[in-house]
Amino acid sequence: MNHKGTQTITTDRLTLRRFTVEDAPAMYRNWASDDAVTRWLTWPTHPNPETTASLLEQWCGHYGEEDYYNWVIKFEGEPIGNISVVQYTQRSAWCALGYCMGSRWWNKGIMTEAVCAVRDFLFDEVGFHRIVIEHAIENPGSGRVASKAGFTLEGVQRGKFYSSREGRFLDLALYGCLAEDRER
């Protein structure tokens, strides 16, 4: 694998780039303060913009690492969400993606476009062999994104994730995509 870190990616409608701390007001306004967005995430709804800025300081501190991948999604010049590699293994050349986006932009094909762009970068530029996406089965929109981006539902992982917000263990759907799947 040839790690390159978070590089700017552009599509027809989107720019995917590194976060800056200056993105905190837009991130807070557009998705970090939105309970509908954070319901299924590993981090809670942010109570204020300072919480968002603190998180972005942590994230931005990792950009010097060649194996760190975390993009802000910009649409029409506005930061509206993010997509990142949340886990990976070098030896088996696989990674897991996580993503979220402000609810005002749902159902417009934006996240599918972002996932496809990141998928292609990770396969073609970095050399991953496999990419996976997991989501709570009670969040079917995330599964539709994965499916539209060429990922195959491989199964349900029972009780894999404890949601402190929900106060219970959640079943996660597992979607996978191999580099050669894009050729089919």
N, C-alpha and C. Protein backbone atom coordinates (compact mmCIF):
# COMPACT_ATOMS: atom_id res chain seq x y z
N MET A 1 0.84 -1.17 0.00
CA MET A 1 0.00 0.00 0.00
C MET A 1 0.89 1.24 0.00
N ASN A 2 0.36 2.29 -0.57
CA ASN A 2 1.09 3.54 -0.73
C ASN A 2 0.30 4.67 -0.07
N HIS A 3 0.43 4.77 1.25
CA HIS A 3 -0.34 5.79 1.97
C HIS A 3 0.06 7.19 1.51
N LYS A 4 -0.95 8.03 1.31
CA LYS A 4 -0.74 9.39 0.83
C LYS A 4 -1.37 10.44 1.73
N GLY A 5 -2.10 10.00 2.75
CA GLY A 5 -2.80 10.95 3.62
C GLY A 5 -4.00 11.56 2.91
N THR A 6 -4.65 12.47 3.60
CA THR A 6 -5.86 13.10 3.07
C THR A 6 -5.49 14.09 1.97
N GLN A 7 -5.81 13.73 0.75
CA GLN A 7 -5.56 14.57 -0.42
C GLN A 7 -6.89 15.17 -0.88
N THR A 8 -6.83 16.33 -1.49
CA THR A 8 -8.05 16.95 -2.02
C THR A 8 -8.57 16.12 -3.19
N ILE A 9 -9.86 15.87 -3.18
CA ILE A 9 -10.55 15.13 -4.24
C ILE A 9 -11.69 16.01 -4.73
N THR A 10 -11.84 16.14 -6.03
CA THR A 10 -12.96 16.90 -6.57
C THR A 10 -13.81 16.00 -7.45
N THR A 11 -15.11 16.25 -7.43
CA THR A 11 -16.06 15.56 -8.29
C THR A 11 -16.84 16.64 -9.04
N ASP A 12 -17.86 16.23 -9.76
CA ASP A 12 -18.67 17.21 -10.48
C ASP A 12 -19.28 18.26 -9.55
N ARG A 13 -19.70 17.84 -8.35
CA ARG A 13 -20.39 18.76 -7.45
C ARG A 13 -19.67 19.03 -6.15
N LEU A 14 -18.65 18.26 -5.82
CA LEU A 14 -18.07 18.30 -4.49
C LEU A 14 -16.58 18.58 -4.49
N THR A 15 -16.14 19.14 -3.39
CA THR A 15 -14.72 19.20 -3.07
C THR A 15 -14.56 18.51 -1.72
N LEU A 16 -13.70 17.51 -1.68
CA LEU A 16 -13.37 16.80 -0.45
C LEU A 16 -11.95 17.25 -0.10
N ARG A 17 -11.78 17.82 1.08
CA ARG A 17 -10.47 18.35 1.47
C ARG A 17 -10.26 18.16 2.95
N ARG A 18 -9.05 18.49 3.41
CA ARG A 18 -8.74 18.44 4.83
C ARG A 18 -9.58 19.48 5.58
N PHE A 19 -9.94 19.14 6.79
CA PHE A 19 -10.58 20.11 7.67
C PHE A 19 -9.56 21.16 8.09
N THR A 20 -10.07 22.33 8.44
CA THR A 20 -9.32 23.33 9.19
C THR A 20 -10.16 23.68 10.41
N VAL A 21 -9.55 24.25 11.42
CA VAL A 21 -10.31 24.65 12.61
C VAL A 21 -11.34 25.71 12.23
N GLU A 22 -11.08 26.46 11.17
CA GLU A 22 -12.03 27.48 10.72
C GLU A 22 -13.34 26.86 10.20
N ASP A 23 -13.36 25.56 9.97
CA ASP A 23 -14.59 24.88 9.53
C ASP A 23 -15.56 24.64 10.69
N ALA A 24 -15.13 24.92 11.92
CA ALA A 24 -15.95 24.61 13.10
C ALA A 24 -17.34 25.25 13.06
N PRO A 25 -17.49 26.53 12.75
CA PRO A 25 -18.85 27.09 12.74
C PRO A 25 -19.78 26.39 11.75
N ALA A 26 -19.28 26.10 10.55
CA ALA A 26 -20.12 25.43 9.54
C ALA A 26 -20.42 23.99 9.95
N MET A 27 -19.42 23.30 10.50
CA MET A 27 -19.64 21.92 10.93
C MET A 27 -20.68 21.89 12.05
N TYR A 28 -20.56 22.78 13.01
CA TYR A 28 -21.52 22.82 14.10
C TYR A 28 -22.92 23.14 13.56
N ARG A 29 -23.02 24.15 12.74
CA ARG A 29 -24.31 24.60 12.20
C ARG A 29 -24.95 23.54 11.30
N ASN A 30 -24.14 22.90 10.46
CA ASN A 30 -24.69 22.04 9.41
C ASN A 30 -24.87 20.57 9.78
N TRP A 31 -24.10 20.05 10.74
CA TRP A 31 -24.33 18.65 11.11
C TRP A 31 -23.98 18.27 12.53
N ALA A 32 -22.99 18.84 13.16
CA ALA A 32 -22.58 18.37 14.49
C ALA A 32 -23.62 18.69 15.57
N SER A 33 -24.47 19.68 15.34
CA SER A 33 -25.50 20.04 16.32
C SER A 33 -26.86 19.43 16.00
N ASP A 34 -26.92 18.59 14.98
CA ASP A 34 -28.17 18.03 14.48
C ASP A 34 -28.38 16.62 15.04
N ASP A 35 -29.34 16.47 15.95
CA ASP A 35 -29.62 15.16 16.56
C ASP A 35 -29.95 14.08 15.53
N ALA A 36 -30.58 14.45 14.43
CA ALA A 36 -30.91 13.46 13.40
C ALA A 36 -29.65 12.90 12.76
N VAL A 37 -28.62 13.70 12.65
CA VAL A 37 -27.35 13.25 12.07
C VAL A 37 -26.56 12.41 13.07
N THR A 38 -26.44 12.90 14.29
CA THR A 38 -25.56 12.24 15.26
C THR A 38 -26.19 11.02 15.93
N ARG A 39 -27.45 10.76 15.66
CA ARG A 39 -28.14 9.64 16.32
C ARG A 39 -27.38 8.33 16.20
N TRP A 40 -26.78 8.05 15.06
CA TRP A 40 -26.13 6.76 14.84
C TRP A 40 -24.61 6.86 14.82
N LEU A 41 -24.06 7.99 15.24
CA LEU A 41 -22.60 8.17 15.23
C LEU A 41 -21.97 7.71 16.53
N THR A 42 -20.64 7.62 16.53
CA THR A 42 -19.92 7.24 17.74
C THR A 42 -19.68 8.43 18.66
N TRP A 43 -20.00 9.65 18.19
CA TRP A 43 -19.85 10.84 19.03
C TRP A 43 -21.21 11.53 19.15
N PRO A 44 -21.42 12.20 20.31
CA PRO A 44 -22.73 12.81 20.58
C PRO A 44 -22.90 14.15 19.86
N THR A 45 -24.13 14.61 19.85
CA THR A 45 -24.45 15.94 19.33
C THR A 45 -23.64 16.97 20.11
N HIS A 46 -23.04 17.90 19.39
CA HIS A 46 -22.23 18.92 20.04
C HIS A 46 -23.12 19.99 20.68
N PRO A 47 -22.84 20.35 21.92
CA PRO A 47 -23.67 21.34 22.61
C PRO A 47 -23.37 22.79 22.19
N ASN A 48 -22.17 23.00 21.59
CA ASN A 48 -21.78 24.36 21.22
C ASN A 48 -20.65 24.32 20.19
N PRO A 49 -20.40 25.44 19.51
CA PRO A 49 -19.34 25.48 18.50
C PRO A 49 -17.94 25.24 19.07
N GLU A 50 -17.73 25.53 20.34
CA GLU A 50 -16.42 25.30 20.94
C GLU A 50 -16.09 23.81 21.00
N THR A 51 -17.08 22.99 21.23
CA THR A 51 -16.88 21.54 21.22
C THR A 51 -16.44 21.08 19.84
N THR A 52 -17.08 21.63 18.82
CA THR A 52 -16.72 21.29 17.44
C THR A 52 -15.29 21.74 17.14
N ALA A 53 -14.94 22.95 17.54
CA ALA A 53 -13.59 23.46 17.30
C ALA A 53 -12.54 22.58 17.99
N SER A 54 -12.84 22.13 19.20
CA SER A 54 -11.92 21.26 19.94
C SER A 54 -11.71 19.94 19.20
N LEU A 55 -12.79 19.36 18.69
CA LEU A 55 -12.68 18.12 17.92
C LEU A 55 -11.85 18.35 16.66
N LEU A 56 -12.10 19.44 15.96
CA LEU A 56 -11.35 19.72 14.74
C LEU A 56 -9.87 19.94 15.02
N GLU A 57 -9.53 20.52 16.15
CA GLU A 57 -8.12 20.67 16.52
C GLU A 57 -7.46 19.30 16.64
N GLN A 58 -8.18 18.35 17.23
CA GLN A 58 -7.65 16.98 17.34
C GLN A 58 -7.48 16.36 15.96
N TRP A 59 -8.55 16.45 15.14
CA TRP A 59 -8.48 15.85 13.80
C TRP A 59 -7.37 16.47 12.98
N CYS A 60 -7.27 17.78 12.98
CA CYS A 60 -6.26 18.46 12.17
C CYS A 60 -4.85 18.11 12.62
N GLY A 61 -4.68 17.79 13.89
CA GLY A 61 -3.37 17.39 14.39
C GLY A 61 -2.86 16.09 13.80
N HIS A 62 -3.73 15.33 13.16
CA HIS A 62 -3.32 14.04 12.57
C HIS A 62 -2.95 14.14 11.08
N TYR A 63 -3.16 15.29 10.47
CA TYR A 63 -2.93 15.37 9.03
C TYR A 63 -1.49 15.16 8.61
N GLY A 64 -0.55 15.23 9.51
CA GLY A 64 0.84 14.93 9.17
C GLY A 64 1.11 13.44 9.02
N GLU A 65 0.15 12.61 9.40
CA GLU A 65 0.30 11.16 9.31
C GLU A 65 -0.15 10.70 7.93
N GLU A 66 0.70 9.95 7.25
CA GLU A 66 0.38 9.51 5.89
C GLU A 66 -0.78 8.52 5.82
N ASP A 67 -1.11 7.88 6.93
CA ASP A 67 -2.20 6.90 6.93
C ASP A 67 -3.48 7.46 7.57
N TYR A 68 -3.62 8.79 7.61
CA TYR A 68 -4.79 9.45 8.18
C TYR A 68 -5.64 10.01 7.05
N TYR A 69 -6.91 9.60 7.01
CA TYR A 69 -7.82 10.00 5.93
C TYR A 69 -9.11 10.53 6.53
N ASN A 70 -9.33 11.84 6.43
CA ASN A 70 -10.53 12.46 6.99
C ASN A 70 -10.83 13.72 6.18
N TRP A 71 -11.92 13.68 5.44
CA TRP A 71 -12.28 14.77 4.54
C TRP A 71 -13.53 15.51 5.01
N VAL A 72 -13.53 16.82 4.84
CA VAL A 72 -14.75 17.60 4.93
C VAL A 72 -15.37 17.58 3.52
N ILE A 73 -16.67 17.46 3.45
CA ILE A 73 -17.39 17.47 2.17
C ILE A 73 -17.94 18.87 1.96
N LYS A 74 -17.49 19.51 0.88
CA LYS A 74 -18.00 20.84 0.55
C LYS A 74 -18.90 20.74 -0.68
N PHE A 75 -20.08 21.32 -0.56
CA PHE A 75 -21.07 21.36 -1.63
C PHE A 75 -21.51 22.80 -1.80
N GLU A 76 -21.41 23.30 -3.01
CA GLU A 76 -21.73 24.70 -3.29
C GLU A 76 -21.00 25.64 -2.34
N GLY A 77 -19.73 25.31 -2.07
CA GLY A 77 -18.87 26.14 -1.25
C GLY A 77 -19.06 26.02 0.24
N GLU A 78 -20.00 25.20 0.69
CA GLU A 78 -20.33 25.09 2.11
C GLU A 78 -19.94 23.70 2.65
N PRO A 79 -19.23 23.62 3.79
CA PRO A 79 -19.00 22.33 4.43
C PRO A 79 -20.33 21.75 4.92
N ILE A 80 -20.65 20.53 4.48
CA ILE A 80 -21.94 19.93 4.82
C ILE A 80 -21.83 18.56 5.48
N GLY A 81 -20.62 17.99 5.54
CA GLY A 81 -20.47 16.67 6.14
C GLY A 81 -19.03 16.22 6.11
N ASN A 82 -18.82 14.97 6.54
CA ASN A 82 -17.47 14.43 6.44
C ASN A 82 -17.49 12.94 6.15
N ILE A 83 -16.35 12.48 5.66
CA ILE A 83 -16.14 11.07 5.35
C ILE A 83 -14.70 10.75 5.72
N SER A 84 -14.51 9.60 6.36
CA SER A 84 -13.17 9.27 6.84
C SER A 84 -12.96 7.76 6.89
N VAL A 85 -11.69 7.39 6.92
CA VAL A 85 -11.30 6.01 7.21
C VAL A 85 -11.28 5.90 8.73
N VAL A 86 -12.14 5.07 9.28
CA VAL A 86 -12.26 4.95 10.73
C VAL A 86 -11.46 3.78 11.30
N GLN A 87 -11.00 2.89 10.42
CA GLN A 87 -10.21 1.74 10.84
C GLN A 87 -9.55 1.15 9.61
N TYR A 88 -8.34 0.61 9.78
CA TYR A 88 -7.73 -0.11 8.66
C TYR A 88 -6.68 -1.08 9.18
N THR A 89 -6.34 -2.06 8.34
CA THR A 89 -5.23 -2.96 8.64
C THR A 89 -4.31 -2.97 7.43
N GLN A 90 -3.05 -2.77 7.69
CA GLN A 90 -2.03 -2.74 6.64
C GLN A 90 -1.86 -4.14 6.03
N ARG A 91 -1.73 -5.14 6.89
CA ARG A 91 -1.42 -6.49 6.43
C ARG A 91 -2.48 -7.04 5.47
N SER A 92 -3.75 -6.84 5.79
CA SER A 92 -4.82 -7.36 4.94
C SER A 92 -5.35 -6.34 3.96
N ALA A 93 -4.81 -5.13 3.98
CA ALA A 93 -5.14 -4.07 3.02
C ALA A 93 -6.65 -3.80 2.93
N TRP A 94 -7.27 -3.65 4.10
CA TRP A 94 -8.69 -3.30 4.11
C TRP A 94 -8.89 -2.11 5.04
N CYS A 95 -9.98 -1.40 4.81
CA CYS A 95 -10.32 -0.28 5.69
C CYS A 95 -11.84 -0.17 5.80
N ALA A 96 -12.27 0.58 6.81
CA ALA A 96 -13.69 0.86 7.02
C ALA A 96 -13.91 2.36 6.88
N LEU A 97 -14.99 2.73 6.21
CA LEU A 97 -15.36 4.13 6.04
C LEU A 97 -16.48 4.50 7.01
N GLY A 98 -16.45 5.74 7.46
CA GLY A 98 -17.54 6.32 8.22
C GLY A 98 -17.90 7.65 7.58
N TYR A 99 -19.17 8.00 7.61
CA TYR A 99 -19.59 9.26 6.99
C TYR A 99 -20.84 9.80 7.64
N CYS A 100 -21.00 11.11 7.52
CA CYS A 100 -22.21 11.77 7.97
C CYS A 100 -22.34 13.09 7.22
N MET A 101 -23.57 13.58 7.19
CA MET A 101 -23.85 14.80 6.43
C MET A 101 -25.09 15.46 7.01
N GLY A 102 -25.14 16.78 6.94
CA GLY A 102 -26.29 17.52 7.42
C GLY A 102 -27.58 17.04 6.78
N SER A 103 -28.64 16.95 7.58
CA SER A 103 -29.90 16.37 7.10
C SER A 103 -30.53 17.19 5.97
N ARG A 104 -30.22 18.46 5.87
CA ARG A 104 -30.78 19.27 4.77
C ARG A 104 -30.31 18.79 3.39
N TRP A 105 -29.22 18.02 3.36
CA TRP A 105 -28.66 17.58 2.09
C TRP A 105 -28.90 16.09 1.83
N TRP A 106 -29.67 15.44 2.68
CA TRP A 106 -29.96 14.02 2.47
C TRP A 106 -30.81 13.83 1.21
N ASN A 107 -30.70 12.65 0.62
CA ASN A 107 -31.51 12.22 -0.52
C ASN A 107 -31.27 13.06 -1.78
N LYS A 108 -30.05 13.51 -1.96
CA LYS A 108 -29.68 14.26 -3.17
C LYS A 108 -28.51 13.59 -3.91
N GLY A 109 -28.10 12.40 -3.45
CA GLY A 109 -26.99 11.69 -4.09
C GLY A 109 -25.61 12.23 -3.72
N ILE A 110 -25.56 13.18 -2.81
CA ILE A 110 -24.29 13.81 -2.46
C ILE A 110 -23.36 12.84 -1.74
N MET A 111 -23.87 12.12 -0.74
CA MET A 111 -23.01 11.21 0.00
C MET A 111 -22.56 10.05 -0.87
N THR A 112 -23.42 9.56 -1.73
CA THR A 112 -23.01 8.49 -2.64
C THR A 112 -21.86 8.97 -3.52
N GLU A 113 -21.95 10.19 -4.01
CA GLU A 113 -20.88 10.77 -4.83
C GLU A 113 -19.57 10.86 -4.03
N ALA A 114 -19.67 11.27 -2.78
CA ALA A 114 -18.48 11.36 -1.93
C ALA A 114 -17.88 9.98 -1.66
N VAL A 115 -18.74 9.01 -1.34
CA VAL A 115 -18.25 7.65 -1.07
C VAL A 115 -17.56 7.08 -2.31
N CYS A 116 -18.14 7.26 -3.47
CA CYS A 116 -17.52 6.75 -4.70
C CYS A 116 -16.15 7.39 -4.94
N ALA A 117 -16.05 8.69 -4.70
CA ALA A 117 -14.78 9.38 -4.91
C ALA A 117 -13.71 8.88 -3.94
N VAL A 118 -14.07 8.72 -2.67
CA VAL A 118 -13.12 8.23 -1.68
C VAL A 118 -12.79 6.77 -1.95
N ARG A 119 -13.78 5.98 -2.29
CA ARG A 119 -13.55 4.56 -2.64
C ARG A 119 -12.51 4.46 -3.74
N ASP A 120 -12.69 5.22 -4.81
CA ASP A 120 -11.75 5.15 -5.94
C ASP A 120 -10.36 5.62 -5.54
N PHE A 121 -10.26 6.67 -4.74
CA PHE A 121 -8.96 7.15 -4.26
C PHE A 121 -8.27 6.06 -3.44
N LEU A 122 -9.00 5.44 -2.53
CA LEU A 122 -8.40 4.44 -1.65
C LEU A 122 -7.99 3.18 -2.41
N PHE A 123 -8.76 2.79 -3.40
CA PHE A 123 -8.36 1.64 -4.23
C PHE A 123 -7.22 2.01 -5.18
N ASP A 124 -7.39 3.07 -5.94
CA ASP A 124 -6.47 3.39 -7.03
C ASP A 124 -5.18 4.06 -6.59
N GLU A 125 -5.26 4.94 -5.61
CA GLU A 125 -4.08 5.70 -5.20
C GLU A 125 -3.36 5.08 -4.00
N VAL A 126 -4.12 4.55 -3.06
CA VAL A 126 -3.51 4.00 -1.84
C VAL A 126 -3.24 2.51 -1.99
N GLY A 127 -4.12 1.80 -2.68
CA GLY A 127 -3.91 0.37 -2.90
C GLY A 127 -4.62 -0.55 -1.94
N PHE A 128 -5.70 -0.07 -1.30
CA PHE A 128 -6.49 -0.98 -0.48
C PHE A 128 -7.10 -2.06 -1.37
N HIS A 129 -7.28 -3.24 -0.79
CA HIS A 129 -7.89 -4.37 -1.49
C HIS A 129 -9.39 -4.45 -1.21
N ARG A 130 -9.78 -4.02 0.00
CA ARG A 130 -11.17 -4.16 0.45
C ARG A 130 -11.54 -2.93 1.28
N ILE A 131 -12.78 -2.46 1.09
CA ILE A 131 -13.32 -1.37 1.89
C ILE A 131 -14.67 -1.84 2.43
N VAL A 132 -14.93 -1.54 3.69
CA VAL A 132 -16.21 -1.91 4.28
C VAL A 132 -16.91 -0.67 4.85
N ILE A 133 -18.22 -0.79 4.95
CA ILE A 133 -19.06 0.21 5.58
C ILE A 133 -20.00 -0.53 6.52
N GLU A 134 -20.08 -0.06 7.77
CA GLU A 134 -21.01 -0.62 8.74
C GLU A 134 -22.00 0.47 9.13
N HIS A 135 -23.23 0.06 9.36
CA HIS A 135 -24.22 1.03 9.84
C HIS A 135 -25.28 0.31 10.66
N ALA A 136 -25.88 1.05 11.57
CA ALA A 136 -26.98 0.50 12.36
C ALA A 136 -28.11 0.13 11.40
N ILE A 137 -28.67 -1.07 11.57
CA ILE A 137 -29.72 -1.49 10.64
C ILE A 137 -30.94 -0.58 10.73
N GLU A 138 -31.07 0.15 11.84
CA GLU A 138 -32.18 1.09 11.98
C GLU A 138 -31.93 2.41 11.25
N ASN A 139 -30.80 2.48 10.56
CA ASN A 139 -30.45 3.65 9.77
C ASN A 139 -30.29 3.21 8.31
N PRO A 140 -31.38 2.86 7.64
CA PRO A 140 -31.29 2.28 6.30
C PRO A 140 -30.74 3.24 5.24
N GLY A 141 -30.81 4.54 5.47
CA GLY A 141 -30.28 5.50 4.50
C GLY A 141 -28.80 5.30 4.27
N SER A 142 -28.08 4.96 5.31
CA SER A 142 -26.65 4.71 5.17
C SER A 142 -26.40 3.46 4.31
N GLY A 143 -27.26 2.48 4.45
CA GLY A 143 -27.13 1.28 3.62
C GLY A 143 -27.44 1.56 2.15
N ARG A 144 -28.40 2.45 1.90
CA ARG A 144 -28.70 2.82 0.50
C ARG A 144 -27.51 3.51 -0.13
N VAL A 145 -26.82 4.35 0.64
CA VAL A 145 -25.60 4.99 0.13
C VAL A 145 -24.58 3.93 -0.24
N ALA A 146 -24.32 3.00 0.67
CA ALA A 146 -23.33 1.95 0.42
C ALA A 146 -23.69 1.14 -0.82
N SER A 147 -24.94 0.75 -0.93
CA SER A 147 -25.38 -0.05 -2.08
C SER A 147 -25.22 0.72 -3.39
N LYS A 148 -25.64 1.98 -3.40
CA LYS A 148 -25.52 2.79 -4.62
C LYS A 148 -24.07 3.03 -5.00
N ALA A 149 -23.15 2.96 -4.02
CA ALA A 149 -21.73 3.16 -4.28
C ALA A 149 -21.03 1.85 -4.66
N GLY A 150 -21.80 0.78 -4.86
CA GLY A 150 -21.22 -0.47 -5.34
C GLY A 150 -20.81 -1.44 -4.25
N PHE A 151 -21.22 -1.20 -3.02
CA PHE A 151 -20.90 -2.11 -1.93
C PHE A 151 -22.00 -3.17 -1.83
N THR A 152 -21.61 -4.39 -1.43
CA THR A 152 -22.52 -5.52 -1.33
C THR A 152 -22.83 -5.80 0.13
N LEU A 153 -24.10 -5.97 0.46
CA LEU A 153 -24.48 -6.36 1.81
C LEU A 153 -23.95 -7.76 2.07
N GLU A 154 -23.12 -7.90 3.10
CA GLU A 154 -22.50 -9.18 3.41
C GLU A 154 -23.12 -9.85 4.63
N GLY A 155 -23.89 -9.10 5.40
CA GLY A 155 -24.52 -9.71 6.56
C GLY A 155 -24.83 -8.69 7.64
N VAL A 156 -25.39 -9.21 8.73
CA VAL A 156 -25.73 -8.39 9.89
C VAL A 156 -24.90 -8.90 11.07
N GLN A 157 -24.27 -7.97 11.75
CA GLN A 157 -23.47 -8.28 12.92
C GLN A 157 -24.31 -7.96 14.15
N ARG A 158 -24.81 -9.00 14.80
CA ARG A 158 -25.76 -8.82 15.90
C ARG A 158 -25.09 -8.22 17.12
N GLY A 159 -25.72 -7.17 17.67
CA GLY A 159 -25.27 -6.57 18.92
C GLY A 159 -23.83 -6.08 18.91
N LYS A 160 -23.33 -5.61 17.79
CA LYS A 160 -21.92 -5.26 17.69
C LYS A 160 -21.59 -3.91 18.33
N PHE A 161 -22.51 -2.97 18.33
CA PHE A 161 -22.21 -1.60 18.76
C PHE A 161 -23.13 -1.19 19.90
N TYR A 162 -22.52 -0.71 21.00
CA TYR A 162 -23.33 -0.19 22.09
C TYR A 162 -23.53 1.30 21.89
N SER A 163 -24.78 1.72 21.79
CA SER A 163 -25.12 3.12 21.63
C SER A 163 -25.53 3.67 22.98
N SER A 164 -24.71 4.58 23.52
CA SER A 164 -25.08 5.18 24.80
C SER A 164 -26.31 6.06 24.63
N ARG A 165 -26.48 6.61 23.46
CA ARG A 165 -27.65 7.45 23.21
C ARG A 165 -28.94 6.62 23.22
N GLU A 166 -28.88 5.45 22.57
CA GLU A 166 -30.03 4.56 22.53
C GLU A 166 -30.14 3.71 23.80
N GLY A 167 -29.03 3.57 24.54
CA GLY A 167 -29.02 2.77 25.76
C GLY A 167 -29.12 1.28 25.51
N ARG A 168 -28.60 0.84 24.38
CA ARG A 168 -28.69 -0.59 24.05
C ARG A 168 -27.67 -0.95 22.97
N PHE A 169 -27.49 -2.25 22.79
CA PHE A 169 -26.63 -2.74 21.72
C PHE A 169 -27.41 -2.72 20.41
N LEU A 170 -26.73 -2.34 19.35
CA LEU A 170 -27.35 -2.26 18.03
C LEU A 170 -26.76 -3.30 17.09
N ASP A 171 -27.59 -3.81 16.21
CA ASP A 171 -27.12 -4.67 15.13
C ASP A 171 -26.59 -3.78 14.01
N LEU A 172 -25.47 -4.19 13.42
CA LEU A 172 -24.87 -3.43 12.33
C LEU A 172 -24.91 -4.23 11.04
N ALA A 173 -25.32 -3.58 9.97
CA ALA A 173 -25.21 -4.18 8.64
C ALA A 173 -23.78 -3.97 8.16
N LEU A 174 -23.24 -4.96 7.50
CA LEU A 174 -21.88 -4.89 6.97
C LEU A 174 -21.93 -4.96 5.45
N TYR A 175 -21.39 -3.93 4.81
CA TYR A 175 -21.28 -3.87 3.35
C TYR A 175 -19.80 -3.91 2.99
N GLY A 176 -19.47 -4.61 1.93
CA GLY A 176 -18.08 -4.69 1.49
C GLY A 176 -17.93 -4.45 0.01
N CYS A 177 -16.75 -3.99 -0.36
CA CYS A 177 -16.42 -3.78 -1.77
C CYS A 177 -14.95 -4.13 -1.96
N LEU A 178 -14.67 -4.95 -2.95
CA LEU A 178 -13.29 -5.26 -3.34
C LEU A 178 -12.92 -4.39 -4.53
N ALA A 179 -11.63 -4.16 -4.70
CA ALA A 179 -11.18 -3.33 -5.81
C ALA A 179 -11.72 -3.86 -7.13
N GLU A 180 -11.71 -5.17 -7.30
CA GLU A 180 -12.16 -5.74 -8.59
C GLU A 180 -13.67 -5.69 -8.78
N ASP A 181 -14.42 -5.43 -7.70
CA ASP A 181 -15.87 -5.32 -7.84
C ASP A 181 -16.28 -4.20 -8.77
N ARG A 182 -15.49 -3.17 -8.87
CA ARG A 182 -15.83 -2.04 -9.73
C ARG A 182 -15.79 -2.41 -11.22
N GLU A 183 -15.08 -3.49 -11.53
CA GLU A 183 -14.97 -3.90 -12.93
C GLU A 183 -16.16 -4.72 -13.39
N ARG A 184 -16.97 -5.19 -12.43
CA ARG A 184 -18.11 -6.04 -12.78
C ARG A 184 -19.31 -5.19 -13.18
